[in-house]
Amino acid sequence: MTVVLRVGNRTITTKEIVSLLAGYQLLPRLLFELIVDDAIAPFTCTLEETQSAQQQFCEKNQLNSHTEIQTWLKRNGMTPEQLQTYAVRSLRIEKFQQATWGNQLESVFRSRKSEFDQVLFSLIKTDDLAVQELYFRIQEKETDFAALASQYSEDPSASNGGLIGPIHLSKCHPTLAKMLANSQPGQLWPPTRLGEWVAIVRLEKFISAQLDNLMRQRLLSELFATWLQEQFNEMGEICLFPVGIGE
């Protein structure tokens, strides 16, 4: 039986390797990577891009000399050619993502913008029947919002004067998110029921999401992850075939 891997005093044969991969739940990861390899096959890198990617890889892994690189290669069972392929792989994935979804990002962003918008707001959350009085005191500027929040709010933000955020609107209670999305900075909302609580809310700042480079990369990564999972699901069950005798 062919030995394909030696780790210390242990040898692993062709018959064992698949069983080990399955036992450690590494087969799905391997299949994901094979799907990626097929997808990025048409995308290549220039000599300059390759050299830059290798340099960045070495810097990230603190490989500062030829000796350290050779030691790393032996420890990871890789050849210099495999290291080069691995170093540029993320760049080739980026090229695939851009070619596949780059022209869709603006429409995707517009449809999901509300998920990324953030707000900074003040909150007093209580079941006290006197909440209406608190609202009027704030409205008439008799008492500072933060002081009343610290004294009366039953939300954890009370320790911070009721200030919450910045936080994504999508993470807020649906009623609260709708209120804040339709507010102007400084707008004070009268007592509003949020589930079993009653809340007084004031928007402090609305942070509108922008389709900048960071957002573009986030959307590309999400679209890629969704596509990759769909490709994996379409493959169906993983079928393992027995290794023949004498292999």
C-alpha atoms as a PDB file:
ATOM      1  CA  MET A   1       0.000   0.000   0.000  1.00  0.00           C
ATOM      2  CA  THR A   2       1.450   3.378  -1.022  1.00  0.00           C
ATOM      3  CA  VAL A   3       2.633   5.707   1.730  1.00  0.00           C
ATOM      4  CA  VAL A   4       1.563   9.260   0.920  1.00  0.00           C
ATOM      5  CA  LEU A   5       2.406  11.042   4.168  1.00  0.00           C
ATOM      6  CA  ARG A   6       4.875  10.629   6.996  1.00  0.00           C
ATOM      7  CA  VAL A   7       4.365  12.507  10.254  1.00  0.00           C
ATOM      8  CA  GLY A   8       7.051  11.814  12.838  1.00  0.00           C
ATOM      9  CA  ASN A   9       7.150   8.052  13.256  1.00  0.00           C
ATOM     10  CA  ARG A  10       3.724   7.571  11.712  1.00  0.00           C
ATOM     11  CA  THR A  11       3.090   6.765   8.064  1.00  0.00           C
ATOM     12  CA  ILE A  12      -0.255   7.392   6.392  1.00  0.00           C
ATOM     13  CA  THR A  13      -1.275   5.389   3.339  1.00  0.00           C
ATOM     14  CA  THR A  14      -3.572   6.166   0.420  1.00  0.00           C
ATOM     15  CA  LYS A  15      -6.253   4.034   2.052  1.00  0.00           C
ATOM     16  CA  GLU A  16      -6.080   5.988   5.297  1.00  0.00           C
ATOM     17  CA  ILE A  17      -5.894   9.527   3.978  1.00  0.00           C
ATOM     18  CA  VAL A  18      -9.511   9.825   2.810  1.00  0.00           C
ATOM     19  CA  SER A  19     -10.762   8.200   5.998  1.00  0.00           C
ATOM     20  CA  LEU A  20      -8.776  10.684   8.069  1.00  0.00           C
ATOM     21  CA  LEU A  21     -10.047  13.637   6.049  1.00  0.00           C
ATOM     22  CA  ALA A  22     -13.619  12.452   6.544  1.00  0.00           C
ATOM     23  CA  GLY A  23     -13.094  11.729  10.233  1.00  0.00           C
ATOM     24  CA  TYR A  24     -11.778  15.211  10.903  1.00  0.00           C
ATOM     25  CA  GLN A  25     -14.527  16.754   8.741  1.00  0.00           C
ATOM     26  CA  LEU A  26     -11.948  18.137   6.335  1.00  0.00           C
ATOM     27  CA  LEU A  27     -13.502  16.695   3.159  1.00  0.00           C
ATOM     28  CA  PRO A  28     -16.086  19.495   2.831  1.00  0.00           C
ATOM     29  CA  ARG A  29     -13.298  22.072   3.175  1.00  0.00           C
ATOM     30  CA  LEU A  30     -11.311  20.273   0.493  1.00  0.00           C
ATOM     31  CA  LEU A  31     -14.315  20.268  -1.837  1.00  0.00           C
ATOM     32  CA  PHE A  32     -14.899  23.975  -1.233  1.00  0.00           C
ATOM     33  CA  GLU A  33     -11.296  24.669  -2.221  1.00  0.00           C
ATOM     34  CA  LEU A  34     -11.610  22.519  -5.345  1.00  0.00           C
ATOM     35  CA  ILE A  35     -14.696  24.493  -6.384  1.00  0.00           C
ATOM     36  CA  VAL A  36     -12.713  27.695  -5.913  1.00  0.00           C
ATOM     37  CA  ASP A  37      -9.802  26.317  -7.941  1.00  0.00           C
ATOM     38  CA  ASP A  38     -12.119  25.585 -10.870  1.00  0.00           C
ATOM     39  CA  ALA A  39     -13.647  29.058 -10.658  1.00  0.00           C
ATOM     40  CA  ILE A  40     -10.360  30.977 -10.593  1.00  0.00           C
ATOM     41  CA  ALA A  41      -8.612  28.838 -13.215  1.00  0.00           C
ATOM     42  CA  PRO A  42      -9.056  31.467 -15.998  1.00  0.00           C
ATOM     43  CA  PHE A  43      -7.646  34.264 -13.827  1.00  0.00           C
ATOM     44  CA  THR A  44      -3.908  34.776 -13.768  1.00  0.00           C
ATOM     45  CA  CYS A  45      -1.519  37.246 -12.160  1.00  0.00           C
ATOM     46  CA  THR A  46       1.283  39.281 -13.669  1.00  0.00           C
ATOM     47  CA  LEU A  47       4.890  38.729 -12.616  1.00  0.00           C
ATOM     48  CA  GLU A  48       4.739  41.939 -10.588  1.00  0.00           C
ATOM     49  CA  GLU A  49       1.524  40.850  -8.842  1.00  0.00           C
ATOM     50  CA  THR A  50       3.024  37.439  -8.087  1.00  0.00           C
ATOM     51  CA  GLN A  51       6.202  38.896  -6.612  1.00  0.00           C
ATOM     52  CA  SER A  52       4.203  41.357  -4.524  1.00  0.00           C
ATOM     53  CA  ALA A  53       1.887  38.618  -3.236  1.00  0.00           C
ATOM     54  CA  GLN A  54       4.838  36.419  -2.270  1.00  0.00           C
ATOM     55  CA  GLN A  55       6.522  39.299  -0.477  1.00  0.00           C
ATOM     56  CA  GLN A  56       3.352  40.100   1.457  1.00  0.00           C
ATOM     57  CA  PHE A  57       2.942  36.439   2.380  1.00  0.00           C
ATOM     58  CA  CYS A  58       6.502  36.232   3.699  1.00  0.00           C
ATOM     59  CA  GLU A  59       6.088  39.461   5.675  1.00  0.00           C
ATOM     60  CA  LYS A  60       2.807  38.248   7.178  1.00  0.00           C
ATOM     61  CA  ASN A  61       4.392  34.954   8.244  1.00  0.00           C
ATOM     62  CA  GLN A  62       7.666  36.580   9.342  1.00  0.00           C
ATOM     63  CA  LEU A  63       9.737  34.675   6.820  1.00  0.00           C
ATOM     64  CA  ASN A  64      12.690  37.020   6.522  1.00  0.00           C
ATOM     65  CA  SER A  65      15.338  34.790   4.987  1.00  0.00           C
ATOM     66  CA  HIS A  66      15.779  31.985   2.485  1.00  0.00           C
ATOM     67  CA  THR A  67      16.433  29.579   5.350  1.00  0.00           C
ATOM     68  CA  GLU A  68      13.197  30.522   7.125  1.00  0.00           C
ATOM     69  CA  ILE A  69      11.258  30.078   3.890  1.00  0.00           C
ATOM     70  CA  GLN A  70      12.773  26.629   3.311  1.00  0.00           C
ATOM     71  CA  THR A  71      11.966  25.603   6.882  1.00  0.00           C
ATOM     72  CA  TRP A  72       8.369  26.787   6.446  1.00  0.00           C
ATOM     73  CA  LEU A  73       8.053  24.845   3.176  1.00  0.00           C
ATOM     74  CA  LYS A  74       9.272  21.626   4.788  1.00  0.00           C
ATOM     75  CA  ARG A  75       7.008  22.069   7.794  1.00  0.00           C
ATOM     76  CA  ASN A  76       3.995  22.555   5.543  1.00  0.00           C
ATOM     77  CA  GLY A  77       4.927  19.946   2.951  1.00  0.00           C
ATOM     78  CA  MET A  78       4.954  22.476   0.118  1.00  0.00           C
ATOM     79  CA  THR A  79       7.223  23.179  -2.827  1.00  0.00           C
ATOM     80  CA  PRO A  80       8.295  26.720  -3.837  1.00  0.00           C
ATOM     81  CA  GLU A  81       5.882  26.450  -6.773  1.00  0.00           C
ATOM     82  CA  GLN A  82       3.001  25.566  -4.447  1.00  0.00           C
ATOM     83  CA  LEU A  83       3.878  28.479  -2.198  1.00  0.00           C
ATOM     84  CA  GLN A  84       3.760  30.815  -5.177  1.00  0.00           C
ATOM     85  CA  THR A  85       0.366  29.432  -6.200  1.00  0.00           C
ATOM     86  CA  TYR A  86      -0.943  29.777  -2.651  1.00  0.00           C
ATOM     87  CA  ALA A  87       0.375  33.341  -2.276  1.00  0.00           C
ATOM     88  CA  VAL A  88      -1.496  34.620  -5.340  1.00  0.00           C
ATOM     89  CA  ARG A  89      -4.654  32.589  -4.730  1.00  0.00           C
ATOM     90  CA  SER A  90      -6.472  35.310  -2.772  1.00  0.00           C
ATOM     91  CA  LEU A  91      -5.713  37.838  -5.529  1.00  0.00           C
ATOM     92  CA  ARG A  92      -7.091  35.470  -8.167  1.00  0.00           C
ATOM     93  CA  ILE A  93     -10.219  35.027  -6.024  1.00  0.00           C
ATOM     94  CA  GLU A  94     -10.594  38.815  -5.898  1.00  0.00           C
ATOM     95  CA  LYS A  95     -10.339  38.958  -9.683  1.00  0.00           C
ATOM     96  CA  PHE A  96     -13.004  36.264 -10.006  1.00  0.00           C
ATOM     97  CA  GLN A  97     -15.292  38.105  -7.585  1.00  0.00           C
ATOM     98  CA  GLN A  98     -14.862  41.391  -9.426  1.00  0.00           C
ATOM     99  CA  ALA A  99     -15.470  39.821 -12.825  1.00  0.00           C
ATOM    100  CA  THR A 100     -18.554  37.956 -11.604  1.00  0.00           C
ATOM    101  CA  TRP A 101     -20.320  40.518  -9.407  1.00  0.00           C
ATOM    102  CA  GLY A 102     -18.478  43.818  -9.830  1.00  0.00           C
ATOM    103  CA  ASN A 103     -21.133  45.342 -12.084  1.00  0.00           C
ATOM    104  CA  GLN A 104     -23.919  44.347  -9.656  1.00  0.00           C
ATOM    105  CA  LEU A 105     -22.571  46.042  -6.543  1.00  0.00           C
ATOM    106  CA  GLU A 106     -24.416  49.343  -6.908  1.00  0.00           C
ATOM    107  CA  SER A 107     -27.820  47.695  -7.256  1.00  0.00           C
ATOM    108  CA  VAL A 108     -27.068  45.204  -4.465  1.00  0.00           C
ATOM    109  CA  PHE A 109     -25.958  48.037  -2.207  1.00  0.00           C
ATOM    110  CA  ARG A 110     -29.074  50.107  -2.918  1.00  0.00           C
ATOM    111  CA  SER A 111     -31.342  47.166  -2.136  1.00  0.00           C
ATOM    112  CA  ARG A 112     -29.555  46.429   1.155  1.00  0.00           C
ATOM    113  CA  LYS A 113     -28.461  49.914   2.241  1.00  0.00           C
ATOM    114  CA  SER A 114     -30.805  49.952   5.237  1.00  0.00           C
ATOM    115  CA  GLU A 115     -28.880  46.949   6.623  1.00  0.00           C
ATOM    116  CA  PHE A 116     -25.691  48.976   6.713  1.00  0.00           C
ATOM    117  CA  ASP A 117     -26.938  52.389   7.884  1.00  0.00           C
ATOM    118  CA  GLN A 118     -25.997  53.138  11.481  1.00  0.00           C
ATOM    119  CA  VAL A 119     -27.477  55.340  14.172  1.00  0.00           C
ATOM    120  CA  LEU A 120     -26.406  56.926  17.425  1.00  0.00           C
ATOM    121  CA  PHE A 121     -29.360  57.530  19.709  1.00  0.00           C
ATOM    122  CA  SER A 122     -30.427  58.111  23.293  1.00  0.00           C
ATOM    123  CA  LEU A 123     -32.921  55.816  24.989  1.00  0.00           C
ATOM    124  CA  ILE A 124     -34.951  55.674  28.162  1.00  0.00           C
ATOM    125  CA  LYS A 125     -36.638  52.288  28.511  1.00  0.00           C
ATOM    126  CA  THR A 126     -38.980  51.690  31.410  1.00  0.00           C
ATOM    127  CA  ASP A 127     -42.322  50.250  32.499  1.00  0.00           C
ATOM    128  CA  ASP A 128     -42.862  53.197  34.837  1.00  0.00           C
ATOM    129  CA  LEU A 129     -46.257  54.871  34.430  1.00  0.00           C
ATOM    130  CA  ALA A 130     -44.532  58.227  34.904  1.00  0.00           C
ATOM    131  CA  VAL A 131     -42.761  57.923  31.563  1.00  0.00           C
ATOM    132  CA  GLN A 132     -44.997  60.609  30.035  1.00  0.00           C
ATOM    133  CA  GLU A 133     -43.781  63.055  32.665  1.00  0.00           C
ATOM    134  CA  LEU A 134     -40.173  62.222  31.818  1.00  0.00           C
ATOM    135  CA  TYR A 135     -40.907  62.926  28.171  1.00  0.00           C
ATOM    136  CA  PHE A 136     -42.333  66.361  28.914  1.00  0.00           C
ATOM    137  CA  ARG A 137     -39.393  67.225  31.166  1.00  0.00           C
ATOM    138  CA  ILE A 138     -37.005  66.458  28.319  1.00  0.00           C
ATOM    139  CA  GLN A 139     -39.170  68.212  25.742  1.00  0.00           C
ATOM    140  CA  GLU A 140     -39.331  71.353  27.859  1.00  0.00           C
ATOM    141  CA  LYS A 141     -35.589  71.064  28.569  1.00  0.00           C
ATOM    142  CA  GLU A 142     -36.210  71.021  32.289  1.00  0.00           C
ATOM    143  CA  THR A 143     -33.833  68.094  32.755  1.00  0.00           C
ATOM    144  CA  ASP A 144     -31.015  66.631  30.696  1.00  0.00           C
ATOM    145  CA  PHE A 145     -31.892  63.424  28.803  1.00  0.00           C
ATOM    146  CA  ALA A 146     -28.726  61.672  30.010  1.00  0.00           C
ATOM    147  CA  ALA A 147     -29.495  62.475  33.654  1.00  0.00           C
ATOM    148  CA  LEU A 148     -33.008  61.040  33.416  1.00  0.00           C
ATOM    149  CA  ALA A 149     -31.761  57.980  31.527  1.00  0.00           C
ATOM    150  CA  SER A 150     -29.163  57.306  34.218  1.00  0.00           C
ATOM    151  CA  GLN A 151     -31.832  57.568  36.905  1.00  0.00           C
ATOM    152  CA  TYR A 152     -34.899  55.933  35.355  1.00  0.00           C
ATOM    153  CA  SER A 153     -33.961  53.797  32.337  1.00  0.00           C
ATOM    154  CA  GLU A 154     -33.935  50.032  32.808  1.00  0.00           C
ATOM    155  CA  ASP A 155     -31.798  49.499  29.743  1.00  0.00           C
ATOM    156  CA  PRO A 156     -28.074  48.660  30.155  1.00  0.00           C
ATOM    157  CA  SER A 157     -27.316  51.924  28.357  1.00  0.00           C
ATOM    158  CA  ALA A 158     -28.441  53.785  31.503  1.00  0.00           C
ATOM    159  CA  SER A 159     -24.853  53.633  32.730  1.00  0.00           C
ATOM    160  CA  ASN A 160     -23.887  55.644  29.662  1.00  0.00           C
ATOM    161  CA  GLY A 161     -26.638  58.226  30.010  1.00  0.00           C
ATOM    162  CA  GLY A 162     -28.883  56.244  27.664  1.00  0.00           C
ATOM    163  CA  LEU A 163     -26.530  56.672  24.694  1.00  0.00           C
ATOM    164  CA  ILE A 164     -26.425  53.729  22.269  1.00  0.00           C
ATOM    165  CA  GLY A 165     -24.337  53.235  19.159  1.00  0.00           C
ATOM    166  CA  PRO A 166     -23.250  53.656  16.558  1.00  0.00           C
ATOM    167  CA  ILE A 167     -25.277  50.537  15.793  1.00  0.00           C
ATOM    168  CA  HIS A 168     -26.723  49.108  12.584  1.00  0.00           C
ATOM    169  CA  LEU A 169     -30.432  49.804  12.161  1.00  0.00           C
ATOM    170  CA  SER A 170     -30.924  46.129  11.326  1.00  0.00           C
ATOM    171  CA  LYS A 171     -29.920  45.229  14.883  1.00  0.00           C
ATOM    172  CA  CYS A 172     -32.553  47.457  16.473  1.00  0.00           C
ATOM    173  CA  HIS A 173     -36.093  46.470  17.452  1.00  0.00           C
ATOM    174  CA  PRO A 174     -38.214  46.751  14.253  1.00  0.00           C
ATOM    175  CA  THR A 175     -40.373  49.541  15.681  1.00  0.00           C
ATOM    176  CA  LEU A 176     -37.327  51.398  16.953  1.00  0.00           C
ATOM    177  CA  ALA A 177     -35.509  50.968  13.631  1.00  0.00           C
ATOM    178  CA  LYS A 178     -38.469  52.441  11.756  1.00  0.00           C
ATOM    179  CA  MET A 179     -38.621  55.426  14.114  1.00  0.00           C
ATOM    180  CA  LEU A 180     -34.914  56.161  13.811  1.00  0.00           C
ATOM    181  CA  ALA A 181     -34.896  55.726  10.022  1.00  0.00           C
ATOM    182  CA  ASN A 182     -37.544  58.436   9.792  1.00  0.00           C
ATOM    183  CA  SER A 183     -35.936  60.829  12.268  1.00  0.00           C
ATOM    184  CA  GLN A 184     -33.818  63.938  12.022  1.00  0.00           C
ATOM    185  CA  PRO A 185     -30.872  64.406  14.399  1.00  0.00           C
ATOM    186  CA  GLY A 186     -32.185  65.805  17.674  1.00  0.00           C
ATOM    187  CA  GLN A 187     -35.729  64.562  17.070  1.00  0.00           C
ATOM    188  CA  LEU A 188     -37.398  63.375  20.272  1.00  0.00           C
ATOM    189  CA  TRP A 189     -40.035  60.678  20.059  1.00  0.00           C
ATOM    190  CA  PRO A 190     -42.860  60.492  22.614  1.00  0.00           C
ATOM    191  CA  PRO A 191     -43.230  57.325  24.727  1.00  0.00           C
ATOM    192  CA  THR A 192     -43.548  54.368  22.370  1.00  0.00           C
ATOM    193  CA  ARG A 193     -44.200  50.753  23.249  1.00  0.00           C
ATOM    194  CA  LEU A 194     -41.397  48.355  22.363  1.00  0.00           C
ATOM    195  CA  GLY A 195     -42.640  44.936  23.374  1.00  0.00           C
ATOM    196  CA  GLU A 196     -43.178  44.914  27.142  1.00  0.00           C
ATOM    197  CA  TRP A 197     -41.350  48.212  27.576  1.00  0.00           C
ATOM    198  CA  VAL A 198     -42.127  51.839  26.907  1.00  0.00           C
ATOM    199  CA  ALA A 199     -39.312  53.926  25.461  1.00  0.00           C
ATOM    200  CA  ILE A 200     -38.429  57.556  24.914  1.00  0.00           C
ATOM    201  CA  VAL A 201     -36.030  57.885  21.992  1.00  0.00           C
ATOM    202  CA  ARG A 202     -33.963  60.709  20.560  1.00  0.00           C
ATOM    203  CA  LEU A 203     -31.853  60.381  17.444  1.00  0.00           C
ATOM    204  CA  GLU A 204     -28.406  61.880  17.935  1.00  0.00           C
ATOM    205  CA  LYS A 205     -26.764  61.015  14.618  1.00  0.00           C
ATOM    206  CA  PHE A 206     -27.625  59.094  11.459  1.00  0.00           C
ATOM    207  CA  ILE A 207     -24.627  57.532   9.712  1.00  0.00           C
ATOM    208  CA  SER A 208     -25.562  56.756   6.133  1.00  0.00           C
ATOM    209  CA  ALA A 209     -23.688  53.795   4.639  1.00  0.00           C
ATOM    210  CA  GLN A 210     -21.504  54.529   1.619  1.00  0.00           C
ATOM    211  CA  LEU A 211     -20.436  52.275  -1.225  1.00  0.00           C
ATOM    212  CA  ASP A 212     -16.737  52.775  -0.536  1.00  0.00           C
ATOM    213  CA  ASN A 213     -13.930  50.288  -1.145  1.00  0.00           C
ATOM    214  CA  LEU A 214     -14.492  48.570   2.193  1.00  0.00           C
ATOM    215  CA  MET A 215     -18.206  48.134   1.489  1.00  0.00           C
ATOM    216  CA  ARG A 216     -17.487  46.870  -2.027  1.00  0.00           C
ATOM    217  CA  GLN A 217     -15.149  44.221  -0.630  1.00  0.00           C
ATOM    218  CA  ARG A 218     -17.693  43.233   1.994  1.00  0.00           C
ATOM    219  CA  LEU A 219     -20.436  42.777  -0.608  1.00  0.00           C
ATOM    220  CA  LEU A 220     -18.139  40.842  -2.929  1.00  0.00           C
ATOM    221  CA  SER A 221     -17.123  38.538  -0.092  1.00  0.00           C
ATOM    222  CA  GLU A 222     -20.746  37.927   0.876  1.00  0.00           C
ATOM    223  CA  LEU A 223     -21.821  37.240  -2.707  1.00  0.00           C
ATOM    224  CA  PHE A 224     -18.879  34.896  -3.157  1.00  0.00           C
ATOM    225  CA  ALA A 225     -19.649  33.007   0.072  1.00  0.00           C
ATOM    226  CA  THR A 226     -23.292  32.572  -0.955  1.00  0.00           C
ATOM    227  CA  TRP A 227     -22.308  31.378  -4.430  1.00  0.00           C
ATOM    228  CA  LEU A 228     -19.745  28.966  -2.998  1.00  0.00           C
ATOM    229  CA  GLN A 229     -22.270  27.420  -0.623  1.00  0.00           C
ATOM    230  CA  GLU A 230     -24.755  27.024  -3.474  1.00  0.00           C
ATOM    231  CA  GLN A 231     -22.124  25.291  -5.619  1.00  0.00           C
ATOM    232  CA  PHE A 232     -21.291  22.961  -2.752  1.00  0.00           C
ATOM    233  CA  ASN A 233     -24.962  22.149  -2.121  1.00  0.00           C
ATOM    234  CA  GLU A 234     -25.470  21.281  -5.787  1.00  0.00           C
ATOM    235  CA  MET A 235     -22.752  18.636  -5.552  1.00  0.00           C
ATOM    236  CA  GLY A 236     -24.988  16.490  -3.369  1.00  0.00           C
ATOM    237  CA  GLU A 237     -23.610  13.829  -1.059  1.00  0.00           C
ATOM    238  CA  ILE A 238     -19.914  13.077  -0.796  1.00  0.00           C
ATOM    239  CA  CYS A 239     -19.313   9.583  -2.173  1.00  0.00           C
ATOM    240  CA  LEU A 240     -16.277   7.664  -0.955  1.00  0.00           C
ATOM    241  CA  PHE A 241     -14.936   4.858  -3.133  1.00  0.00           C
ATOM    242  CA  PRO A 242     -12.849   2.056  -1.628  1.00  0.00           C
ATOM    243  CA  VAL A 243      -9.198   1.984  -2.560  1.00  0.00           C
ATOM    244  CA  GLY A 244      -8.350  -1.144  -4.530  1.00  0.00           C
ATOM    245  CA  ILE A 245      -6.060  -3.803  -3.143  1.00  0.00           C
ATOM    246  CA  GLY A 246      -2.471  -3.231  -4.045  1.00  0.00           C
ATOM    247  CA  GLU A 247      -2.838   0.544  -4.433  1.00  0.00           C
END
